Amino acid sequence: MSRVVVPVRYPLSAHSRRTLAAAIEEAATRDAELTVLHVDLYQESGKVTRTDLKRAVERAFGRQSNARYVVRQGFLVEQTILDEVAAEDADVVVIGRKQVSRWRRSLRTLLGEPDVEAFLADELDCELVTVDAD
């Protein structure tokens, strides 16, 4: 069975809700399992639990029988997402345009003016779906 991974903020922002809605639709279309991922930054130490994340998603979208909820601790959001996607052997990653912009800023310091979608496609070896903020 294929897997769709969607990184989100907690509490769910409006943009995270739109990204999550697209990921839920993508998983349904592909008859795939869904992993909802939140990266809890060590330096912010929000102490978000899987139960918190699951309840927030279910309040917004109802019960998702094909979903798994994951909270990872990390210093760098981008690297933690890449690690989770690789561990999940995901077929698709659904991210918001704002997240692409954050990755672009991070990579710009290393690579100049990177093509983030191409970089992630190379690093992830899976399909990347980006969701507009509007």
N, C-alpha and C. Protein backbone atom coordinates (compact mmCIF):
# COMPACT_ATOMS: atom_id res chain seq x y z
N MET A 1 0.85 -1.18 0.00
CA MET A 1 0.00 0.00 0.00
C MET A 1 0.89 1.24 0.00
N SER A 2 0.47 2.25 -0.71
CA SER A 2 1.27 3.47 -0.78
C SER A 2 1.04 4.35 0.46
N ARG A 3 1.94 5.31 0.65
CA ARG A 3 1.89 6.18 1.83
C ARG A 3 2.05 7.63 1.41
N VAL A 4 1.18 8.48 2.00
CA VAL A 4 1.23 9.93 1.83
C VAL A 4 1.64 10.52 3.17
N VAL A 5 2.66 11.38 3.16
CA VAL A 5 3.11 12.05 4.38
C VAL A 5 2.81 13.54 4.24
N VAL A 6 2.24 14.10 5.30
CA VAL A 6 1.93 15.53 5.31
C VAL A 6 2.43 16.16 6.62
N PRO A 7 3.46 17.02 6.53
CA PRO A 7 3.91 17.75 7.72
C PRO A 7 2.96 18.92 7.99
N VAL A 8 2.60 19.11 9.26
CA VAL A 8 1.69 20.19 9.64
C VAL A 8 2.18 20.88 10.91
N ARG A 9 1.69 22.09 11.11
CA ARG A 9 1.95 22.81 12.36
C ARG A 9 0.91 22.39 13.39
N TYR A 10 1.28 22.57 14.66
CA TYR A 10 0.31 22.38 15.74
C TYR A 10 0.45 23.56 16.68
N PRO A 11 -0.66 24.18 17.06
CA PRO A 11 -2.02 23.88 16.60
C PRO A 11 -2.15 24.13 15.10
N LEU A 12 -3.12 23.47 14.50
CA LEU A 12 -3.30 23.55 13.05
C LEU A 12 -3.60 24.99 12.64
N SER A 13 -2.78 25.51 11.75
CA SER A 13 -3.03 26.84 11.18
C SER A 13 -4.00 26.67 10.01
N ALA A 14 -4.51 27.77 9.50
CA ALA A 14 -5.39 27.71 8.33
C ALA A 14 -4.65 27.08 7.15
N HIS A 15 -3.38 27.44 7.00
CA HIS A 15 -2.59 26.88 5.91
C HIS A 15 -2.37 25.37 6.11
N SER A 16 -2.11 24.96 7.35
CA SER A 16 -1.96 23.53 7.63
C SER A 16 -3.25 22.77 7.33
N ARG A 17 -4.38 23.38 7.61
CA ARG A 17 -5.67 22.73 7.31
C ARG A 17 -5.83 22.53 5.80
N ARG A 18 -5.47 23.53 5.01
CA ARG A 18 -5.57 23.39 3.55
C ARG A 18 -4.63 22.31 3.04
N THR A 19 -3.42 22.29 3.58
CA THR A 19 -2.45 21.28 3.17
C THR A 19 -2.93 19.89 3.58
N LEU A 20 -3.46 19.79 4.78
CA LEU A 20 -3.98 18.52 5.27
C LEU A 20 -5.18 18.05 4.45
N ALA A 21 -6.06 18.96 4.08
CA ALA A 21 -7.21 18.60 3.24
C ALA A 21 -6.74 18.02 1.91
N ALA A 22 -5.72 18.64 1.32
CA ALA A 22 -5.17 18.13 0.06
C ALA A 22 -4.54 16.75 0.25
N ALA A 23 -3.86 16.55 1.37
CA ALA A 23 -3.23 15.26 1.65
C ALA A 23 -4.28 14.17 1.87
N ILE A 24 -5.35 14.50 2.57
CA ILE A 24 -6.43 13.53 2.80
C ILE A 24 -7.04 13.13 1.46
N GLU A 25 -7.25 14.11 0.59
CA GLU A 25 -7.80 13.82 -0.74
C GLU A 25 -6.82 12.97 -1.56
N GLU A 26 -5.54 13.31 -1.49
CA GLU A 26 -4.51 12.55 -2.21
C GLU A 26 -4.47 11.10 -1.73
N ALA A 27 -4.54 10.90 -0.42
CA ALA A 27 -4.53 9.54 0.13
C ALA A 27 -5.77 8.76 -0.30
N ALA A 28 -6.92 9.42 -0.30
CA ALA A 28 -8.15 8.76 -0.73
C ALA A 28 -8.08 8.37 -2.21
N THR A 29 -7.57 9.28 -3.04
CA THR A 29 -7.46 9.01 -4.48
C THR A 29 -6.54 7.82 -4.75
N ARG A 30 -5.49 7.71 -3.98
CA ARG A 30 -4.50 6.65 -4.18
C ARG A 30 -4.78 5.39 -3.35
N ASP A 31 -5.84 5.44 -2.53
CA ASP A 31 -6.11 4.37 -1.58
C ASP A 31 -4.87 4.10 -0.74
N ALA A 32 -4.31 5.18 -0.21
CA ALA A 32 -3.04 5.14 0.51
C ALA A 32 -3.23 5.36 2.00
N GLU A 33 -2.23 4.96 2.75
CA GLU A 33 -2.14 5.29 4.16
C GLU A 33 -1.65 6.73 4.27
N LEU A 34 -2.06 7.41 5.33
CA LEU A 34 -1.70 8.81 5.54
C LEU A 34 -0.91 8.95 6.84
N THR A 35 0.23 9.62 6.77
CA THR A 35 0.98 9.96 7.97
C THR A 35 0.93 11.46 8.16
N VAL A 36 0.35 11.89 9.28
CA VAL A 36 0.29 13.30 9.65
C VAL A 36 1.46 13.54 10.60
N LEU A 37 2.37 14.41 10.19
CA LEU A 37 3.62 14.62 10.92
C LEU A 37 3.70 16.04 11.47
N HIS A 38 4.04 16.15 12.73
CA HIS A 38 4.35 17.45 13.32
C HIS A 38 5.76 17.36 13.89
N VAL A 39 6.58 18.36 13.58
CA VAL A 39 7.93 18.43 14.14
C VAL A 39 7.92 19.40 15.29
N ASP A 40 8.17 18.88 16.47
CA ASP A 40 8.23 19.68 17.70
C ASP A 40 9.70 20.07 17.89
N LEU A 41 9.99 21.33 17.68
CA LEU A 41 11.37 21.79 17.74
C LEU A 41 11.92 21.77 19.16
N TYR A 42 13.11 21.22 19.33
CA TYR A 42 13.74 21.15 20.65
C TYR A 42 13.79 22.51 21.31
N GLN A 43 14.16 23.54 20.53
CA GLN A 43 14.35 24.86 21.11
C GLN A 43 13.03 25.50 21.53
N GLU A 44 11.91 25.04 20.97
CA GLU A 44 10.61 25.58 21.36
C GLU A 44 9.90 24.68 22.36
N SER A 45 10.24 23.42 22.36
CA SER A 45 9.74 22.43 23.31
C SER A 45 8.25 22.56 23.61
N GLY A 46 7.44 22.45 22.58
CA GLY A 46 6.00 22.56 22.73
C GLY A 46 5.37 21.35 23.39
N LYS A 47 6.10 20.25 23.47
CA LYS A 47 5.62 19.02 24.09
C LYS A 47 4.25 18.59 23.55
N VAL A 48 4.15 18.63 22.23
CA VAL A 48 2.93 18.18 21.57
C VAL A 48 2.93 16.66 21.56
N THR A 49 1.78 16.07 21.84
CA THR A 49 1.68 14.61 21.82
C THR A 49 0.94 14.14 20.57
N ARG A 50 1.08 12.86 20.28
CA ARG A 50 0.33 12.27 19.16
C ARG A 50 -1.16 12.44 19.39
N THR A 51 -1.60 12.29 20.62
CA THR A 51 -3.02 12.43 20.95
C THR A 51 -3.50 13.84 20.67
N ASP A 52 -2.69 14.85 21.02
CA ASP A 52 -3.04 16.25 20.71
C ASP A 52 -3.22 16.43 19.21
N LEU A 53 -2.27 15.93 18.45
CA LEU A 53 -2.31 16.07 17.00
C LEU A 53 -3.52 15.34 16.41
N LYS A 54 -3.75 14.12 16.85
CA LYS A 54 -4.88 13.34 16.35
C LYS A 54 -6.21 14.03 16.65
N ARG A 55 -6.37 14.51 17.86
CA ARG A 55 -7.62 15.20 18.23
C ARG A 55 -7.85 16.45 17.38
N ALA A 56 -6.79 17.20 17.13
CA ALA A 56 -6.92 18.42 16.32
C ALA A 56 -7.34 18.07 14.89
N VAL A 57 -6.74 17.05 14.33
CA VAL A 57 -7.08 16.63 12.96
C VAL A 57 -8.51 16.11 12.92
N GLU A 58 -8.89 15.31 13.89
CA GLU A 58 -10.25 14.75 13.90
C GLU A 58 -11.30 15.83 14.14
N ARG A 59 -10.97 16.85 14.93
CA ARG A 59 -11.92 17.97 15.09
C ARG A 59 -12.13 18.69 13.77
N ALA A 60 -11.07 18.83 13.01
CA ALA A 60 -11.14 19.57 11.75
C ALA A 60 -11.69 18.74 10.59
N PHE A 61 -11.40 17.43 10.57
CA PHE A 61 -11.72 16.60 9.40
C PHE A 61 -12.48 15.32 9.70
N GLY A 62 -12.77 15.07 10.96
CA GLY A 62 -13.41 13.81 11.31
C GLY A 62 -12.36 12.71 11.41
N ARG A 63 -12.83 11.54 11.81
CA ARG A 63 -11.93 10.40 12.00
C ARG A 63 -11.34 9.98 10.65
N GLN A 64 -10.04 9.76 10.63
CA GLN A 64 -9.34 9.31 9.44
C GLN A 64 -8.85 7.89 9.68
N SER A 65 -9.58 6.92 9.17
CA SER A 65 -9.26 5.52 9.48
C SER A 65 -7.93 5.07 8.89
N ASN A 66 -7.46 5.75 7.87
CA ASN A 66 -6.20 5.36 7.23
C ASN A 66 -5.01 6.16 7.74
N ALA A 67 -5.20 6.95 8.81
CA ALA A 67 -4.16 7.88 9.25
C ALA A 67 -3.35 7.37 10.43
N ARG A 68 -2.13 7.80 10.45
CA ARG A 68 -1.19 7.56 11.53
C ARG A 68 -0.67 8.93 11.93
N TYR A 69 -0.50 9.18 13.19
CA TYR A 69 -0.10 10.49 13.70
C TYR A 69 1.28 10.37 14.34
N VAL A 70 2.19 11.25 13.93
CA VAL A 70 3.57 11.17 14.37
C VAL A 70 4.03 12.55 14.83
N VAL A 71 4.64 12.61 16.00
CA VAL A 71 5.29 13.83 16.48
C VAL A 71 6.76 13.48 16.68
N ARG A 72 7.61 14.23 16.00
CA ARG A 72 9.06 14.02 16.09
C ARG A 72 9.70 15.26 16.69
N GLN A 73 10.71 15.05 17.50
CA GLN A 73 11.52 16.14 18.04
C GLN A 73 12.66 16.38 17.06
N GLY A 74 13.02 17.65 16.87
CA GLY A 74 14.13 17.94 15.97
C GLY A 74 14.62 19.35 16.12
N PHE A 75 15.86 19.57 15.66
CA PHE A 75 16.42 20.91 15.64
C PHE A 75 16.10 21.60 14.32
N LEU A 76 16.12 20.83 13.24
CA LEU A 76 15.84 21.37 11.91
C LEU A 76 14.59 20.69 11.36
N VAL A 77 13.56 21.48 11.12
CA VAL A 77 12.29 20.94 10.63
C VAL A 77 12.52 20.17 9.34
N GLU A 78 13.26 20.78 8.41
CA GLU A 78 13.44 20.18 7.09
C GLU A 78 14.10 18.81 7.19
N GLN A 79 15.16 18.71 7.98
CA GLN A 79 15.87 17.43 8.09
C GLN A 79 15.00 16.39 8.78
N THR A 80 14.25 16.79 9.78
CA THR A 80 13.37 15.86 10.48
C THR A 80 12.29 15.33 9.54
N ILE A 81 11.76 16.21 8.69
CA ILE A 81 10.76 15.77 7.70
C ILE A 81 11.40 14.79 6.72
N LEU A 82 12.58 15.13 6.19
CA LEU A 82 13.27 14.23 5.27
C LEU A 82 13.51 12.86 5.91
N ASP A 83 13.94 12.85 7.16
CA ASP A 83 14.19 11.59 7.86
C ASP A 83 12.92 10.76 7.98
N GLU A 84 11.81 11.42 8.35
CA GLU A 84 10.55 10.70 8.51
C GLU A 84 10.04 10.16 7.18
N VAL A 85 10.15 10.96 6.14
CA VAL A 85 9.69 10.54 4.82
C VAL A 85 10.49 9.32 4.35
N ALA A 86 11.79 9.35 4.58
CA ALA A 86 12.64 8.21 4.20
C ALA A 86 12.28 6.99 5.03
N ALA A 87 12.09 7.17 6.33
CA ALA A 87 11.74 6.04 7.21
C ALA A 87 10.39 5.43 6.82
N GLU A 88 9.46 6.27 6.39
CA GLU A 88 8.13 5.80 6.01
C GLU A 88 8.12 5.20 4.61
N ASP A 89 9.19 5.43 3.86
CA ASP A 89 9.25 5.02 2.45
C ASP A 89 8.02 5.56 1.72
N ALA A 90 7.79 6.86 1.91
CA ALA A 90 6.60 7.51 1.36
C ALA A 90 6.62 7.56 -0.16
N ASP A 91 5.43 7.48 -0.72
CA ASP A 91 5.27 7.62 -2.16
C ASP A 91 5.00 9.07 -2.55
N VAL A 92 4.36 9.81 -1.62
CA VAL A 92 3.98 11.20 -1.88
C VAL A 92 4.19 12.01 -0.60
N VAL A 93 4.71 13.23 -0.76
CA VAL A 93 4.78 14.18 0.34
C VAL A 93 3.96 15.39 -0.09
N VAL A 94 3.05 15.81 0.77
CA VAL A 94 2.21 16.97 0.50
C VAL A 94 2.66 18.08 1.43
N ILE A 95 3.13 19.18 0.85
CA ILE A 95 3.57 20.31 1.66
C ILE A 95 2.94 21.60 1.12
N GLY A 96 2.85 22.58 1.99
CA GLY A 96 2.33 23.88 1.59
C GLY A 96 3.42 24.72 0.96
N ARG A 97 3.00 25.68 0.16
CA ARG A 97 3.96 26.60 -0.48
C ARG A 97 4.80 27.33 0.56
N LYS A 98 4.21 27.65 1.71
CA LYS A 98 4.98 28.33 2.76
C LYS A 98 6.14 27.45 3.21
N GLN A 99 5.93 26.15 3.26
CA GLN A 99 6.99 25.24 3.67
C GLN A 99 8.09 25.20 2.62
N VAL A 100 7.70 25.24 1.35
CA VAL A 100 8.70 25.30 0.29
C VAL A 100 9.54 26.55 0.45
N SER A 101 8.91 27.67 0.79
CA SER A 101 9.64 28.92 0.99
C SER A 101 10.64 28.82 2.15
N ARG A 102 10.23 28.18 3.24
CA ARG A 102 11.15 27.99 4.37
C ARG A 102 12.34 27.14 3.96
N TRP A 103 12.08 26.05 3.22
CA TRP A 103 13.18 25.21 2.76
C TRP A 103 14.08 26.00 1.82
N ARG A 104 13.49 26.82 0.95
CA ARG A 104 14.28 27.64 0.03
C ARG A 104 15.21 28.57 0.81
N ARG A 105 14.70 29.22 1.85
CA ARG A 105 15.55 30.11 2.66
C ARG A 105 16.68 29.32 3.31
N SER A 106 16.39 28.15 3.85
CA SER A 106 17.42 27.34 4.49
C SER A 106 18.48 26.90 3.50
N LEU A 107 18.05 26.45 2.34
CA LEU A 107 18.99 25.94 1.35
C LEU A 107 19.77 27.05 0.65
N ARG A 108 19.19 28.25 0.59
CA ARG A 108 19.85 29.37 -0.08
C ARG A 108 21.22 29.64 0.53
N THR A 109 21.33 29.46 1.85
CA THR A 109 22.61 29.72 2.51
C THR A 109 23.67 28.71 2.07
N LEU A 110 23.23 27.52 1.68
CA LEU A 110 24.18 26.48 1.26
C LEU A 110 24.37 26.43 -0.26
N LEU A 111 23.30 26.63 -1.00
CA LEU A 111 23.32 26.34 -2.43
C LEU A 111 23.10 27.54 -3.33
N GLY A 112 22.98 28.73 -2.81
CA GLY A 112 22.66 29.88 -3.65
C GLY A 112 21.16 29.97 -3.83
N GLU A 113 20.67 29.86 -5.06
CA GLU A 113 19.23 29.97 -5.36
C GLU A 113 18.70 28.59 -5.76
N PRO A 114 18.31 27.76 -4.79
CA PRO A 114 17.96 26.37 -5.09
C PRO A 114 16.56 26.22 -5.70
N ASP A 115 16.39 25.15 -6.44
CA ASP A 115 15.07 24.71 -6.89
C ASP A 115 14.62 23.69 -5.85
N VAL A 116 13.81 24.13 -4.89
CA VAL A 116 13.47 23.30 -3.74
C VAL A 116 12.73 22.04 -4.17
N GLU A 117 11.77 22.19 -5.07
CA GLU A 117 11.01 21.01 -5.51
C GLU A 117 11.94 19.97 -6.11
N ALA A 118 12.91 20.41 -6.94
CA ALA A 118 13.86 19.47 -7.54
C ALA A 118 14.76 18.85 -6.48
N PHE A 119 15.21 19.69 -5.52
CA PHE A 119 16.05 19.18 -4.43
C PHE A 119 15.32 18.10 -3.64
N LEU A 120 14.08 18.40 -3.25
CA LEU A 120 13.32 17.43 -2.46
C LEU A 120 13.04 16.17 -3.27
N ALA A 121 12.71 16.34 -4.54
CA ALA A 121 12.46 15.17 -5.38
C ALA A 121 13.71 14.29 -5.44
N ASP A 122 14.90 14.92 -5.54
CA ASP A 122 16.15 14.16 -5.56
C ASP A 122 16.41 13.48 -4.22
N GLU A 123 16.19 14.22 -3.15
CA GLU A 123 16.46 13.70 -1.81
C GLU A 123 15.44 12.64 -1.37
N LEU A 124 14.19 12.84 -1.74
CA LEU A 124 13.12 12.00 -1.23
C LEU A 124 12.82 10.78 -2.07
N ASP A 125 13.10 10.85 -3.35
CA ASP A 125 12.77 9.75 -4.25
C ASP A 125 11.28 9.42 -4.18
N CYS A 126 10.46 10.45 -4.16
CA CYS A 126 9.01 10.28 -4.17
C CYS A 126 8.38 11.52 -4.80
N GLU A 127 7.08 11.45 -5.02
CA GLU A 127 6.35 12.57 -5.61
C GLU A 127 6.14 13.66 -4.56
N LEU A 128 6.27 14.91 -5.00
CA LEU A 128 6.07 16.05 -4.12
C LEU A 128 4.86 16.83 -4.63
N VAL A 129 3.88 17.03 -3.75
CA VAL A 129 2.70 17.82 -4.08
C VAL A 129 2.72 19.07 -3.22
N THR A 130 2.65 20.25 -3.85
CA THR A 130 2.62 21.49 -3.07
C THR A 130 1.23 22.10 -3.16
N VAL A 131 0.81 22.70 -2.05
CA VAL A 131 -0.53 23.26 -1.91
C VAL A 131 -0.40 24.77 -1.73
N ASP A 132 -1.15 25.52 -2.54
CA ASP A 132 -1.14 26.99 -2.42
C ASP A 132 -1.73 27.43 -1.09
N ALA A 133 -1.27 28.59 -0.65
CA ALA A 133 -1.74 29.15 0.63
C ALA A 133 -3.18 29.63 0.56
N ASP A 134 -3.65 29.96 -0.62
CA ASP A 134 -5.02 30.49 -0.76
C ASP A 134 -6.05 29.42 -0.94
